[in-house]
N, C-alpha and C. Protein backbone atom coordinates (compact mmCIF):
# COMPACT_ATOMS: atom_id res chain seq x y z
N MET A 1 15.23 6.07 -16.49
CA MET A 1 13.71 5.22 -16.50
C MET A 1 14.14 3.97 -17.50
N LYS A 2 13.39 3.08 -16.38
CA LYS A 2 12.58 1.84 -16.39
C LYS A 2 11.99 0.94 -17.29
N ILE A 3 11.53 0.25 -18.03
CA ILE A 3 10.22 0.93 -18.67
C ILE A 3 10.28 -1.34 -19.13
N LEU A 4 9.23 -1.46 -18.69
CA LEU A 4 8.40 -3.72 -18.74
C LEU A 4 7.71 -3.64 -19.31
N ILE A 5 8.78 -4.96 -20.81
CA ILE A 5 7.93 -5.14 -22.04
C ILE A 5 7.35 -6.33 -21.51
N ILE A 6 5.93 -6.50 -21.48
CA ILE A 6 5.15 -8.15 -21.42
C ILE A 6 4.60 -8.16 -22.77
N GLU A 7 6.15 -9.25 -23.52
CA GLU A 7 5.37 -9.84 -25.04
C GLU A 7 5.87 -11.49 -25.27
N ASP A 8 5.45 -11.99 -26.03
CA ASP A 8 5.36 -13.71 -26.15
C ASP A 8 6.46 -13.50 -27.31
N ASP A 9 6.62 -12.37 -28.00
CA ASP A 9 7.25 -12.76 -29.46
C ASP A 9 8.53 -12.30 -28.69
N GLU A 10 9.76 -13.37 -28.95
CA GLU A 10 11.23 -13.18 -28.21
C GLU A 10 11.77 -12.45 -29.36
N LYS A 11 11.21 -12.23 -30.78
CA LYS A 11 11.83 -11.57 -31.81
C LYS A 11 11.58 -10.47 -31.66
N ILE A 12 10.66 -10.20 -31.15
CA ILE A 12 9.82 -8.49 -31.35
C ILE A 12 10.50 -7.82 -29.79
N ILE A 13 10.69 -8.42 -28.96
CA ILE A 13 11.36 -8.33 -26.96
C ILE A 13 12.71 -7.73 -27.51
N ASN A 14 13.37 -8.71 -28.08
CA ASN A 14 14.62 -8.49 -28.75
C ASN A 14 14.82 -6.70 -29.25
N PHE A 15 14.59 -6.96 -29.57
CA PHE A 15 13.82 -5.70 -30.68
C PHE A 15 13.56 -4.46 -30.13
N LEU A 16 13.25 -4.49 -29.44
CA LEU A 16 12.61 -3.13 -28.45
C LEU A 16 13.64 -3.21 -27.01
N LYS A 17 14.28 -4.44 -26.55
CA LYS A 17 14.91 -4.25 -25.66
C LYS A 17 16.68 -3.46 -25.97
N LYS A 18 15.93 -4.64 -26.85
CA LYS A 18 17.68 -3.38 -28.31
C LYS A 18 17.67 -2.14 -28.14
N GLY A 19 16.94 -1.69 -28.93
CA GLY A 19 16.54 -0.32 -29.85
C GLY A 19 15.78 0.58 -28.25
N LEU A 20 15.13 -0.11 -26.82
CA LEU A 20 15.47 1.21 -25.68
C LEU A 20 16.73 1.14 -25.22
N GLU A 21 17.03 -0.10 -24.79
CA GLU A 21 18.28 0.45 -24.55
C GLU A 21 19.23 1.28 -24.26
N GLU A 22 19.66 1.40 -26.08
CA GLU A 22 20.03 2.40 -26.79
C GLU A 22 19.40 3.96 -26.82
N GLU A 23 18.62 3.98 -26.19
CA GLU A 23 18.74 5.32 -25.71
C GLU A 23 18.04 5.39 -24.48
N SER A 24 18.64 4.84 -23.96
CA SER A 24 19.40 5.15 -22.37
C SER A 24 18.16 4.06 -21.35
N TYR A 25 17.44 4.09 -21.77
CA TYR A 25 16.13 3.19 -21.21
C TYR A 25 16.53 1.89 -20.56
N VAL A 26 16.38 1.47 -19.13
CA VAL A 26 16.59 0.10 -18.36
C VAL A 26 15.32 -0.96 -18.08
N ILE A 27 14.65 -1.85 -19.37
CA ILE A 27 14.92 -2.97 -19.18
C ILE A 27 13.85 -3.99 -18.82
N ASP A 28 13.12 -4.63 -18.65
CA ASP A 28 12.67 -5.54 -17.59
C ASP A 28 11.81 -6.10 -18.68
N TYR A 29 11.74 -7.81 -18.56
CA TYR A 29 11.06 -8.28 -19.59
C TYR A 29 9.61 -9.45 -19.32
N SER A 30 9.16 -10.07 -19.89
CA SER A 30 8.05 -11.28 -18.80
C SER A 30 7.79 -11.28 -20.22
N LEU A 31 7.64 -13.14 -20.37
CA LEU A 31 6.94 -14.02 -21.69
C LEU A 31 5.62 -14.21 -21.61
N ASN A 32 5.06 -13.46 -20.19
CA ASN A 32 3.14 -14.19 -20.23
C ASN A 32 2.96 -13.41 -19.38
N GLY A 33 1.34 -13.26 -19.22
CA GLY A 33 0.69 -12.26 -18.79
C GLY A 33 0.72 -12.83 -16.72
N ASP A 34 0.90 -13.82 -16.25
CA ASP A 34 1.14 -13.46 -14.96
C ASP A 34 2.79 -12.90 -14.97
N GLU A 35 3.30 -14.00 -15.31
CA GLU A 35 4.69 -13.48 -14.89
C GLU A 35 5.07 -11.43 -14.65
N GLY A 36 3.95 -11.27 -16.02
CA GLY A 36 4.12 -9.73 -16.11
C GLY A 36 3.27 -8.75 -14.57
N ILE A 37 2.14 -9.32 -14.84
CA ILE A 37 1.77 -9.00 -13.48
C ILE A 37 2.27 -9.17 -11.71
N TYR A 38 3.17 -9.65 -11.95
CA TYR A 38 4.14 -10.31 -10.67
C TYR A 38 5.19 -9.06 -10.76
N LEU A 39 5.57 -8.82 -11.88
CA LEU A 39 7.35 -7.83 -11.74
C LEU A 39 6.23 -6.60 -11.60
N ALA A 40 5.31 -6.04 -12.52
CA ALA A 40 4.58 -5.12 -11.59
C ALA A 40 4.21 -4.21 -10.91
N SER A 41 4.40 -5.44 -9.84
CA SER A 41 3.41 -5.53 -8.75
C SER A 41 4.90 -5.65 -7.88
N VAL A 42 6.37 -5.90 -8.38
CA VAL A 42 7.37 -6.20 -6.98
C VAL A 42 8.35 -5.01 -7.78
N ASN A 43 8.00 -3.86 -8.92
CA ASN A 43 9.22 -2.90 -8.90
C ASN A 43 8.25 -2.34 -9.68
N GLU A 44 8.77 -0.81 -9.38
CA GLU A 44 8.56 -0.12 -10.23
C GLU A 44 8.79 0.81 -11.40
N TYR A 45 8.29 0.59 -12.30
CA TYR A 45 8.70 0.77 -13.79
C TYR A 45 7.80 2.33 -14.12
N ASP A 46 8.79 2.91 -14.70
CA ASP A 46 8.08 4.33 -15.37
C ASP A 46 6.92 4.38 -16.69
N LEU A 47 7.09 2.95 -17.38
CA LEU A 47 6.57 2.46 -18.28
C LEU A 47 6.05 0.63 -18.66
N ILE A 48 4.71 0.72 -19.00
CA ILE A 48 4.87 -0.45 -19.76
C ILE A 48 4.34 -0.85 -20.61
N LEU A 49 4.72 -1.68 -21.90
CA LEU A 49 4.88 -1.78 -23.18
C LEU A 49 4.02 -3.79 -23.25
N LEU A 50 2.68 -3.84 -23.29
CA LEU A 50 1.85 -4.57 -22.70
C LEU A 50 1.27 -5.09 -24.56
N ASP A 51 1.44 -6.66 -24.64
CA ASP A 51 0.77 -7.28 -25.57
C ASP A 51 -0.13 -7.49 -25.60
N ILE A 52 -1.76 -7.57 -26.35
CA ILE A 52 -2.96 -8.48 -26.23
C ILE A 52 -2.92 -9.90 -25.67
N MET A 53 -2.06 -10.44 -26.95
CA MET A 53 -2.05 -12.20 -27.13
C MET A 53 -1.09 -12.24 -26.35
N LEU A 54 -1.21 -12.79 -25.30
CA LEU A 54 -0.29 -13.41 -24.36
C LEU A 54 -0.81 -14.82 -24.23
N PRO A 55 0.12 -15.59 -23.30
CA PRO A 55 -0.45 -16.77 -22.89
C PRO A 55 -0.37 -16.85 -21.42
N ILE A 56 -1.17 -17.45 -20.70
CA ILE A 56 -1.56 -17.21 -19.29
C ILE A 56 -2.90 -16.35 -18.96
N LYS A 57 -2.38 -15.32 -19.18
CA LYS A 57 -2.98 -13.83 -19.29
C LYS A 57 -2.77 -12.74 -19.97
N ASN A 58 -4.71 -12.85 -21.06
CA ASN A 58 -3.81 -11.67 -21.94
C ASN A 58 -4.38 -10.53 -21.43
N GLY A 59 -3.41 -9.61 -22.48
CA GLY A 59 -3.44 -8.34 -22.45
C GLY A 59 -3.98 -7.50 -21.06
N ILE A 60 -5.27 -7.40 -21.78
CA ILE A 60 -6.61 -7.24 -21.58
C ILE A 60 -7.15 -7.30 -20.15
N GLU A 61 -6.86 -8.49 -19.76
CA GLU A 61 -6.73 -8.92 -18.40
C GLU A 61 -5.64 -8.15 -17.30
N VAL A 62 -4.73 -8.48 -17.74
CA VAL A 62 -3.53 -7.62 -16.93
C VAL A 62 -3.56 -6.29 -17.10
N CYS A 63 -3.46 -5.88 -18.05
CA CYS A 63 -4.22 -4.33 -17.74
C CYS A 63 -5.44 -4.09 -16.35
N LYS A 64 -6.13 -4.88 -16.62
CA LYS A 64 -6.73 -4.60 -15.79
C LYS A 64 -6.97 -4.77 -14.36
N THR A 65 -5.98 -5.87 -14.08
CA THR A 65 -6.25 -6.57 -12.54
C THR A 65 -5.12 -5.50 -12.44
N LEU A 66 -3.22 -5.04 -13.28
CA LEU A 66 -3.27 -4.08 -12.39
C LEU A 66 -3.50 -2.75 -11.99
N ARG A 67 -4.43 -1.94 -12.54
CA ARG A 67 -5.31 -0.78 -12.46
C ARG A 67 -6.08 -1.51 -10.74
N GLN A 68 -6.65 -2.49 -11.27
CA GLN A 68 -7.88 -2.54 -9.65
C GLN A 68 -6.99 -2.34 -8.29
N ASN A 69 -5.78 -3.21 -9.25
CA ASN A 69 -4.12 -3.09 -7.65
C ASN A 69 -3.77 -1.99 -6.80
N ASN A 70 -4.24 -0.76 -8.37
CA ASN A 70 -3.79 0.43 -7.79
C ASN A 70 -2.41 0.48 -8.18
N ILE A 71 -1.98 0.34 -9.69
CA ILE A 71 -0.59 0.26 -9.99
C ILE A 71 -0.99 1.24 -11.27
N ASN A 72 -0.50 2.55 -11.23
CA ASN A 72 -0.87 3.26 -11.98
C ASN A 72 -0.32 3.87 -13.14
N THR A 73 0.69 3.07 -13.33
CA THR A 73 1.94 2.96 -14.50
C THR A 73 1.79 3.35 -15.54
N PRO A 74 2.17 3.79 -16.45
CA PRO A 74 1.40 4.42 -18.10
C PRO A 74 1.65 3.13 -18.45
N ILE A 75 0.24 2.76 -19.64
CA ILE A 75 0.30 1.25 -20.20
C ILE A 75 0.09 1.44 -21.82
N ILE A 76 1.34 1.90 -22.48
CA ILE A 76 1.02 1.10 -24.06
C ILE A 76 0.65 0.09 -24.45
N MET A 77 -0.90 -0.49 -25.32
CA MET A 77 -0.95 -1.79 -25.58
C MET A 77 -0.29 -2.31 -26.62
N LEU A 78 0.05 -3.05 -26.90
CA LEU A 78 1.15 -3.15 -28.75
C LEU A 78 -0.27 -4.28 -28.82
N THR A 79 -0.92 -4.39 -30.49
CA THR A 79 -1.59 -5.43 -30.48
C THR A 79 -1.49 -5.89 -32.60
N ALA A 80 -1.42 -6.85 -33.24
CA ALA A 80 -2.20 -6.97 -34.72
C ALA A 80 -3.16 -6.63 -34.41
N LYS A 81 -3.92 -6.21 -33.38
CA LYS A 81 -5.74 -5.75 -33.68
C LYS A 81 -5.91 -4.86 -34.03
N ASP A 82 -6.37 -3.50 -35.21
CA ASP A 82 -6.72 -2.36 -35.05
C ASP A 82 -8.03 -2.06 -35.65
N THR A 83 -8.47 -3.16 -35.04
CA THR A 83 -9.94 -1.83 -34.86
C THR A 83 -10.39 -1.38 -34.13
N ILE A 84 -11.54 0.08 -33.73
CA ILE A 84 -11.64 1.10 -33.18
C ILE A 84 -12.70 0.23 -32.02
N GLU A 85 -13.14 -0.78 -31.90
CA GLU A 85 -13.33 -1.33 -30.71
C GLU A 85 -11.98 -1.96 -30.20
N ASP A 86 -10.93 -2.80 -30.51
CA ASP A 86 -10.09 -3.00 -29.73
C ASP A 86 -9.57 -1.78 -29.04
N LYS A 87 -9.66 -0.81 -29.82
CA LYS A 87 -9.20 0.87 -29.05
C LYS A 87 -9.46 0.54 -27.65
N ILE A 88 -11.09 0.98 -27.89
CA ILE A 88 -11.71 1.50 -27.29
C ILE A 88 -11.76 0.09 -25.85
N LYS A 89 -11.91 -0.53 -25.88
CA LYS A 89 -12.16 -1.83 -24.89
C LYS A 89 -10.42 -1.16 -24.27
N GLY A 90 -9.75 -1.39 -25.20
CA GLY A 90 -8.40 -1.72 -24.25
C GLY A 90 -8.19 0.12 -23.33
N LEU A 91 -8.02 1.03 -24.66
CA LEU A 91 -8.68 2.20 -23.19
C LEU A 91 -9.49 2.37 -21.60
N ASP A 92 -10.88 1.56 -22.07
CA ASP A 92 -11.64 1.85 -21.07
C ASP A 92 -11.33 1.07 -19.73
N ILE A 93 -10.19 -0.10 -20.08
CA ILE A 93 -10.29 -0.97 -19.36
C ILE A 93 -8.23 0.26 -18.62
N GLY A 94 -8.08 1.04 -18.81
CA GLY A 94 -6.90 1.49 -18.37
C GLY A 94 -5.61 2.29 -19.05
N ALA A 95 -5.43 1.48 -20.14
CA ALA A 95 -4.22 2.10 -20.75
C ALA A 95 -4.48 3.15 -21.47
N ASN A 96 -3.62 3.68 -20.98
CA ASN A 96 -3.22 5.08 -21.43
C ASN A 96 -2.86 4.85 -22.93
N ASP A 97 -2.48 4.28 -23.84
CA ASP A 97 -2.11 4.30 -25.12
C ASP A 97 -2.45 3.17 -26.17
N TYR A 98 -2.78 3.40 -27.26
CA TYR A 98 -3.05 1.80 -28.42
C TYR A 98 -1.82 2.25 -29.90
N LEU A 99 -1.14 0.73 -29.36
CA LEU A 99 -0.77 1.10 -30.69
C LEU A 99 -0.48 -0.79 -31.58
N ALA A 100 -1.18 -0.26 -33.35
CA ALA A 100 -1.05 -1.77 -33.42
C ALA A 100 0.18 -1.87 -34.40
N LYS A 101 0.17 -3.20 -34.51
CA LYS A 101 1.48 -3.48 -34.94
C LYS A 101 0.80 -3.57 -36.50
N PRO A 102 1.98 -3.75 -37.24
CA PRO A 102 3.23 -3.33 -36.85
C PRO A 102 3.45 -1.54 -37.14
N PHE A 103 4.94 -1.19 -36.19
CA PHE A 103 4.63 0.07 -35.80
C PHE A 103 6.22 -0.10 -36.09
N SER A 104 6.51 1.86 -36.36
CA SER A 104 7.44 2.12 -36.17
C SER A 104 8.16 2.03 -35.20
N PHE A 105 9.76 2.27 -34.94
CA PHE A 105 10.13 2.35 -33.59
C PHE A 105 10.39 3.87 -33.40
N SER A 106 10.35 4.49 -34.42
CA SER A 106 10.60 6.31 -33.98
C SER A 106 9.18 6.51 -33.48
N GLU A 107 7.97 5.55 -33.52
CA GLU A 107 6.58 6.54 -33.28
C GLU A 107 6.30 5.98 -32.07
N LEU A 108 6.93 4.57 -31.37
CA LEU A 108 6.78 4.21 -30.63
C LEU A 108 7.50 4.95 -29.57
N LEU A 109 9.07 5.57 -30.22
CA LEU A 109 9.58 6.31 -29.00
C LEU A 109 8.97 7.12 -28.85
N ALA A 110 7.71 8.16 -30.31
CA ALA A 110 7.29 9.31 -29.51
C ALA A 110 6.25 8.95 -28.14
N ARG A 111 5.61 7.95 -28.87
CA ARG A 111 4.86 7.26 -28.10
C ARG A 111 4.78 7.14 -26.21
N ILE A 112 6.26 6.76 -26.33
CA ILE A 112 6.79 6.54 -24.99
C ILE A 112 7.35 8.10 -24.17
N ARG A 113 7.60 9.03 -24.68
CA ARG A 113 7.93 10.17 -24.66
C ARG A 113 6.78 10.91 -23.88
N VAL A 114 5.28 10.75 -24.66
CA VAL A 114 4.23 11.27 -24.68
C VAL A 114 3.73 11.16 -23.43
N GLN A 115 3.92 9.91 -22.91
CA GLN A 115 3.05 9.66 -21.46
C GLN A 115 4.43 9.44 -20.34
N LEU A 116 5.92 10.26 -20.51
CA LEU A 116 7.16 9.74 -19.34
C LEU A 116 6.38 11.27 -19.36
N ARG A 117 6.24 12.16 -20.57
CA ARG A 117 6.25 13.72 -19.81
C ARG A 117 5.20 13.97 -19.04
N THR A 118 3.49 13.76 -19.60
CA THR A 118 2.92 13.48 -18.39
C THR A 118 2.87 13.05 -17.36
N LYS A 119 3.08 11.67 -16.83
CA LYS A 119 4.07 11.41 -15.77
C LYS A 119 4.75 12.01 -14.33
N ASN A 120 5.54 12.58 -15.59
CA ASN A 120 6.75 13.39 -14.96
C ASN A 120 6.49 14.81 -14.46
N SER A 121 5.38 15.16 -15.24
CA SER A 121 4.40 16.18 -14.73
C SER A 121 3.67 16.76 -13.65
N ASN A 122 3.16 15.23 -13.27
CA ASN A 122 2.48 15.14 -12.27
C ASN A 122 3.03 14.61 -10.50
N GLN A 123 4.30 14.63 -10.75
CA GLN A 123 5.30 14.60 -10.42
C GLN A 123 6.19 15.65 -10.15
N THR A 124 6.00 15.90 -8.60
CA THR A 124 7.19 16.59 -8.41
C THR A 124 7.92 16.68 -6.96
N THR A 125 7.45 15.72 -6.04
CA THR A 125 8.35 15.35 -5.14
C THR A 125 8.28 14.21 -4.85
N LEU A 126 9.68 13.23 -4.61
CA LEU A 126 10.11 11.93 -4.22
C LEU A 126 9.99 11.65 -2.75
N LYS A 127 9.77 10.98 -1.67
CA LYS A 127 10.33 10.81 -1.14
C LYS A 127 10.39 9.30 -0.59
N ILE A 128 11.48 8.75 0.48
CA ILE A 128 11.51 7.54 1.09
C ILE A 128 11.81 7.82 2.57
N SER A 129 11.95 7.30 3.23
CA SER A 129 11.16 7.45 4.87
C SER A 129 11.47 9.13 4.93
N ASP A 130 12.68 9.21 5.96
CA ASP A 130 12.66 11.79 5.74
C ASP A 130 12.95 12.32 5.19
N LEU A 131 13.30 11.58 3.75
CA LEU A 131 14.48 11.67 3.11
C LEU A 131 13.33 12.31 2.10
N GLU A 132 14.15 13.62 1.28
CA GLU A 132 12.81 14.23 0.08
C GLU A 132 13.40 14.79 -0.76
N LEU A 133 13.13 15.04 -1.95
CA LEU A 133 13.78 15.21 -3.02
C LEU A 133 12.28 16.44 -3.97
N ASP A 134 12.88 17.29 -4.14
CA ASP A 134 11.86 18.52 -4.57
C ASP A 134 12.06 18.64 -6.45
N LEU A 135 11.33 18.01 -6.80
CA LEU A 135 12.46 18.12 -8.17
C LEU A 135 11.78 19.15 -9.47
N LEU A 136 11.41 19.76 -8.75
CA LEU A 136 11.11 21.34 -9.92
C LEU A 136 12.56 22.28 -9.39
N SER A 137 12.65 22.30 -7.52
CA SER A 137 13.26 23.21 -7.28
C SER A 137 14.91 22.26 -6.72
N LYS A 138 14.81 21.17 -6.93
CA LYS A 138 16.43 20.25 -8.10
C LYS A 138 16.75 20.22 -6.27
N THR A 139 15.98 20.10 -5.16
CA THR A 139 16.71 20.29 -3.23
C THR A 139 16.63 18.99 -2.92
N ALA A 140 17.13 19.24 -1.36
CA ALA A 140 17.06 17.48 -1.10
C ALA A 140 17.32 17.96 -0.54
N LYS A 141 16.18 17.51 1.16
CA LYS A 141 15.99 17.17 2.21
C LYS A 141 15.39 16.44 3.08
N ARG A 142 16.56 16.26 4.58
CA ARG A 142 16.53 14.99 5.26
C ARG A 142 16.12 15.16 6.57
N ALA A 143 15.17 15.19 7.19
CA ALA A 143 14.16 15.24 8.79
C ALA A 143 13.86 16.61 8.67
N GLY A 144 13.98 17.06 7.54
CA GLY A 144 13.48 18.60 7.73
C GLY A 144 14.60 19.58 7.49
N ASP A 145 16.08 18.57 6.91
CA ASP A 145 17.58 19.51 6.92
C ASP A 145 17.75 19.71 5.78
N ILE A 146 18.28 20.96 5.34
CA ILE A 146 18.34 21.11 3.81
C ILE A 146 19.93 20.17 3.34
N ILE A 147 20.26 19.24 2.47
CA ILE A 147 21.52 18.93 1.99
C ILE A 147 21.64 19.12 1.11
N ASN A 148 22.54 19.55 1.22
CA ASN A 148 23.38 20.63 -0.95
C ASN A 148 24.29 19.02 -1.24
N LEU A 149 23.20 19.42 -2.47
CA LEU A 149 23.62 18.42 -3.07
C LEU A 149 24.52 18.49 -5.02
N THR A 150 24.74 18.71 -5.38
CA THR A 150 25.54 19.43 -6.74
C THR A 150 24.27 18.56 -7.29
N ALA A 151 24.57 18.98 -9.29
CA ALA A 151 23.23 18.49 -9.87
C ALA A 151 23.39 17.06 -10.18
N LYS A 152 25.04 16.14 -10.46
CA LYS A 152 24.73 14.69 -10.66
C LYS A 152 25.17 14.41 -9.34
N GLU A 153 24.75 14.69 -8.37
CA GLU A 153 24.53 13.75 -8.02
C GLU A 153 22.66 13.41 -7.13
N PHE A 154 22.36 14.96 -6.89
CA PHE A 154 21.21 15.38 -6.89
C PHE A 154 19.87 14.12 -8.03
N ALA A 155 21.10 14.07 -9.50
CA ALA A 155 20.04 13.02 -10.72
C ALA A 155 20.95 11.34 -10.43
N PHE A 156 21.60 11.77 -9.84
CA PHE A 156 22.17 10.28 -8.78
C PHE A 156 21.11 9.90 -8.04
N LEU A 157 20.62 10.22 -6.87
CA LEU A 157 20.07 9.97 -6.21
C LEU A 157 18.52 10.16 -6.60
N GLU A 158 18.16 10.65 -7.22
CA GLU A 158 16.31 10.83 -8.02
C GLU A 158 16.59 9.39 -8.86
N TYR A 159 17.71 8.64 -9.23
CA TYR A 159 18.01 7.61 -9.92
C TYR A 159 17.28 6.52 -8.69
N LEU A 160 17.98 6.88 -7.23
CA LEU A 160 18.17 5.87 -6.53
C LEU A 160 16.55 5.74 -6.05
N ILE A 161 15.81 6.55 -5.93
CA ILE A 161 14.91 6.94 -5.08
C ILE A 161 13.51 6.74 -5.61
N LYS A 162 13.78 6.55 -7.26
CA LYS A 162 13.02 5.71 -8.21
C LYS A 162 12.56 4.50 -8.74
N ASN A 163 13.71 4.00 -8.05
CA ASN A 163 13.83 2.96 -8.34
C ASN A 163 14.00 1.90 -6.84
N LYS A 164 13.78 2.90 -5.54
CA LYS A 164 13.68 2.33 -4.11
C LYS A 164 13.34 0.77 -4.39
N ASP A 165 14.23 -0.06 -2.82
CA ASP A 165 13.60 -1.36 -2.54
C ASP A 165 13.99 -2.30 -4.04
N ARG A 166 14.88 -1.84 -4.94
CA ARG A 166 15.44 -2.68 -6.47
C ARG A 166 16.80 -2.71 -5.59
N VAL A 167 17.42 -4.28 -6.21
CA VAL A 167 18.85 -4.28 -6.23
C VAL A 167 19.31 -3.59 -7.65
N LEU A 168 19.96 -2.83 -7.58
CA LEU A 168 20.58 -2.06 -9.09
C LEU A 168 22.71 -2.54 -9.22
N SER A 169 22.82 -2.73 -10.08
CA SER A 169 23.88 -3.27 -10.43
C SER A 169 24.85 -2.07 -11.21
N GLU A 170 26.25 -1.77 -10.81
CA GLU A 170 26.87 -1.43 -11.40
C GLU A 170 26.40 -0.40 -12.35
N SER A 171 26.69 -1.98 -13.30
CA SER A 171 26.72 -1.38 -14.75
C SER A 171 24.62 -1.18 -14.64
N VAL A 172 24.43 -1.45 -14.73
CA VAL A 172 22.82 -0.81 -14.41
C VAL A 172 22.75 0.41 -14.34
N ILE A 173 22.74 0.83 -13.55
CA ILE A 173 23.41 2.56 -12.75
C ILE A 173 23.78 3.40 -13.84
N SER A 174 24.68 3.10 -14.32
CA SER A 174 26.15 3.58 -15.42
C SER A 174 25.43 3.68 -16.92
N SER A 175 24.40 2.28 -17.29
CA SER A 175 23.87 2.77 -18.47
C SER A 175 22.94 4.06 -18.07
N ALA A 176 21.44 3.11 -16.79
CA ALA A 176 20.67 4.14 -16.82
C ALA A 176 21.02 5.97 -16.44
N LEU A 177 22.71 5.91 -16.07
CA LEU A 177 22.69 7.37 -16.12
C LEU A 177 23.57 8.00 -17.06
N SER A 178 24.07 7.68 -18.72
CA SER A 178 24.64 7.56 -19.26
C SER A 178 25.51 8.82 -20.12
N ASN A 179 23.66 9.71 -19.58
CA ASN A 179 24.10 11.08 -20.08
C ASN A 179 24.86 12.07 -19.16
N MET A 180 25.07 11.23 -18.38
CA MET A 180 26.12 12.48 -16.39
C MET A 180 27.67 12.14 -17.78
N ASP A 181 28.47 13.47 -17.57
CA ASP A 181 29.91 12.91 -18.45
C ASP A 181 30.73 11.81 -18.17
N ASP A 182 31.34 12.07 -16.87
CA ASP A 182 31.90 11.42 -15.96
C ASP A 182 31.19 9.49 -15.35
N MET A 183 30.07 8.88 -15.91
CA MET A 183 30.07 8.08 -15.78
C MET A 183 30.65 6.72 -16.47
N ASN A 184 31.00 7.18 -17.59
CA ASN A 184 32.34 5.79 -17.95
C ASN A 184 33.24 6.67 -17.03
N ILE A 185 34.07 6.75 -16.43
CA ILE A 185 35.09 6.58 -16.03
C ILE A 185 35.07 5.63 -14.40
N SER A 186 35.83 4.65 -14.29
CA SER A 186 35.96 3.16 -13.85
C SER A 186 36.48 4.19 -12.26
N ASN A 187 34.68 3.23 -11.80
CA ASN A 187 34.66 2.86 -9.99
C ASN A 187 33.59 4.10 -9.69
N ILE A 188 33.13 5.03 -10.48
CA ILE A 188 33.04 5.49 -10.88
C ILE A 188 31.56 6.37 -9.60
N VAL A 189 30.32 4.97 -10.30
CA VAL A 189 29.61 4.49 -8.89
C VAL A 189 29.39 4.62 -7.84
N ASN A 190 31.33 3.50 -7.99
CA ASN A 190 31.14 3.46 -6.37
C ASN A 190 31.97 5.09 -5.38
N VAL A 191 32.19 5.63 -6.51
CA VAL A 191 32.27 7.50 -6.02
C VAL A 191 31.24 7.96 -5.49
N TYR A 192 30.15 8.22 -6.35
CA TYR A 192 28.57 8.56 -6.26
C TYR A 192 28.25 8.16 -4.61
N ILE A 193 28.32 6.97 -4.68
CA ILE A 193 27.29 6.24 -3.51
C ILE A 193 28.65 6.89 -2.34
N TYR A 194 30.04 6.53 -1.88
CA TYR A 194 30.19 7.03 -1.25
C TYR A 194 29.70 9.03 -0.97
N ARG A 195 29.05 9.33 -1.65
CA ARG A 195 29.25 11.04 -1.36
C ARG A 195 28.14 11.02 -1.59
N LEU A 196 27.19 10.13 -1.45
CA LEU A 196 25.88 9.98 -1.14
C LEU A 196 25.50 9.78 0.40
N ARG A 197 26.26 8.59 0.57
CA ARG A 197 26.36 8.40 1.79
C ARG A 197 26.44 9.09 3.11
N ASN A 198 27.86 10.34 3.06
CA ASN A 198 28.26 10.93 3.22
C ASN A 198 27.39 12.35 3.93
N LYS A 199 26.34 12.32 2.85
CA LYS A 199 25.78 13.86 2.64
C LYS A 199 24.13 12.68 3.13
N ILE A 200 23.72 11.76 3.25
CA ILE A 200 22.53 12.01 3.39
C ILE A 200 22.47 10.67 4.30
N ASP A 201 22.90 10.02 4.60
CA ASP A 201 22.73 8.75 5.87
C ASP A 201 24.25 8.65 7.27
N LYS A 202 25.46 9.18 6.72
CA LYS A 202 26.30 9.02 7.91
C LYS A 202 25.72 10.50 8.59
N PRO A 203 25.04 11.40 8.68
CA PRO A 203 24.68 12.53 10.04
C PRO A 203 23.80 11.51 10.59
N TYR A 204 22.97 10.47 10.16
CA TYR A 204 21.35 10.72 10.30
C TYR A 204 21.29 8.71 10.79
N GLU A 205 20.91 8.24 11.99
CA GLU A 205 21.07 6.84 12.53
C GLU A 205 20.52 5.84 11.25
N LYS A 206 18.99 6.09 10.82
CA LYS A 206 18.44 5.77 10.07
C LYS A 206 19.43 5.60 8.68
N LYS A 207 20.74 4.20 7.99
CA LYS A 207 20.75 4.10 6.85
C LYS A 207 19.75 3.63 5.66
N LEU A 208 19.60 4.55 4.81
CA LEU A 208 19.19 4.67 3.51
C LEU A 208 19.39 3.49 2.33
N ILE A 209 21.34 3.85 2.20
CA ILE A 209 21.62 3.28 1.05
C ILE A 209 22.13 2.15 1.23
N LYS A 210 22.15 0.83 0.62
CA LYS A 210 22.28 -0.77 1.01
C LYS A 210 23.02 -1.29 0.22
N THR A 211 24.65 -1.72 0.69
CA THR A 211 25.27 -2.55 -0.82
C THR A 211 25.46 -3.54 -0.91
N ILE A 212 24.63 -4.16 -2.00
CA ILE A 212 23.77 -5.86 -1.42
C ILE A 212 24.87 -6.83 -2.06
N ARG A 213 25.96 -7.06 -1.28
CA ARG A 213 27.39 -7.77 -2.02
C ARG A 213 27.08 -8.81 -2.93
N GLY A 214 28.15 -8.89 -3.79
CA GLY A 214 28.35 -9.22 -5.22
C GLY A 214 27.15 -8.88 -5.86
N LEU A 215 26.37 -7.75 -6.01
CA LEU A 215 24.65 -7.76 -6.41
C LEU A 215 24.80 -6.01 -7.01
N GLY A 216 25.38 -5.28 -5.75
CA GLY A 216 24.80 -4.08 -6.18
C GLY A 216 25.02 -3.49 -5.39
N PHE A 217 23.57 -1.92 -5.49
CA PHE A 217 23.35 -1.28 -4.40
C PHE A 217 21.65 -1.30 -4.37
N LYS A 218 20.92 -0.56 -2.98
CA LYS A 218 19.70 0.11 -3.59
C LYS A 218 19.70 0.42 -2.26
N ILE A 219 18.70 1.89 -2.72
CA ILE A 219 17.83 2.67 -1.84
C ILE A 219 16.73 2.14 -0.86
N SER A 220 16.63 1.57 0.33
CA SER A 220 15.28 1.21 1.35
C SER A 220 15.21 1.77 2.57
N ASP A 221 13.80 1.55 2.89
CA ASP A 221 13.99 2.56 4.39
C ASP A 221 13.28 1.40 5.05
N GLU A 222 13.46 0.33 4.94
CA GLU A 222 13.94 -1.18 5.27
C GLU A 222 14.34 -1.34 6.66
């Protein structure tokens, strides 16, 4: 799961990044509103933590711009302002939740889990090119052909597709899939890439899994 933090206080960023990475989330961050809009536009995130008091563009402007651009990623707004009017304003322009500073990390985690459950409950299939994953039945098809995947291969492929077009290093993949028992084995990422290529790419003309030399891997239909 990937989270974007848009916050100009580096102490808060470091605190959130450390805590969320310990919970196996993959973290990107931005120190200003313009860069935050850019990152949210070119990458796919599961959730955005958005401060209101930001340089260049404030959080209200960022949220409004993202929603106008049809980016529907769940947004939790973080702010020192705690008036009813501020909360209503944030929610009215498209935020999903509102958390006033200072807040406990455990409460933030609970709010994040609520948003992710809501988001994931509405998403039952993932698709890239002619490859489709059914998240309810845990089945995979390519060009209409059923592909037999183990549970771990399915989880690995699901993670790649949720991050489609994004280059993922071996360390990022290992961290994101740390709940899989064998992800701490040396070279295991390459082993899973090899298995998936044999199953979802080798029999088909168009190859979806790409190796980006020196950087990692990505799945893309380009």
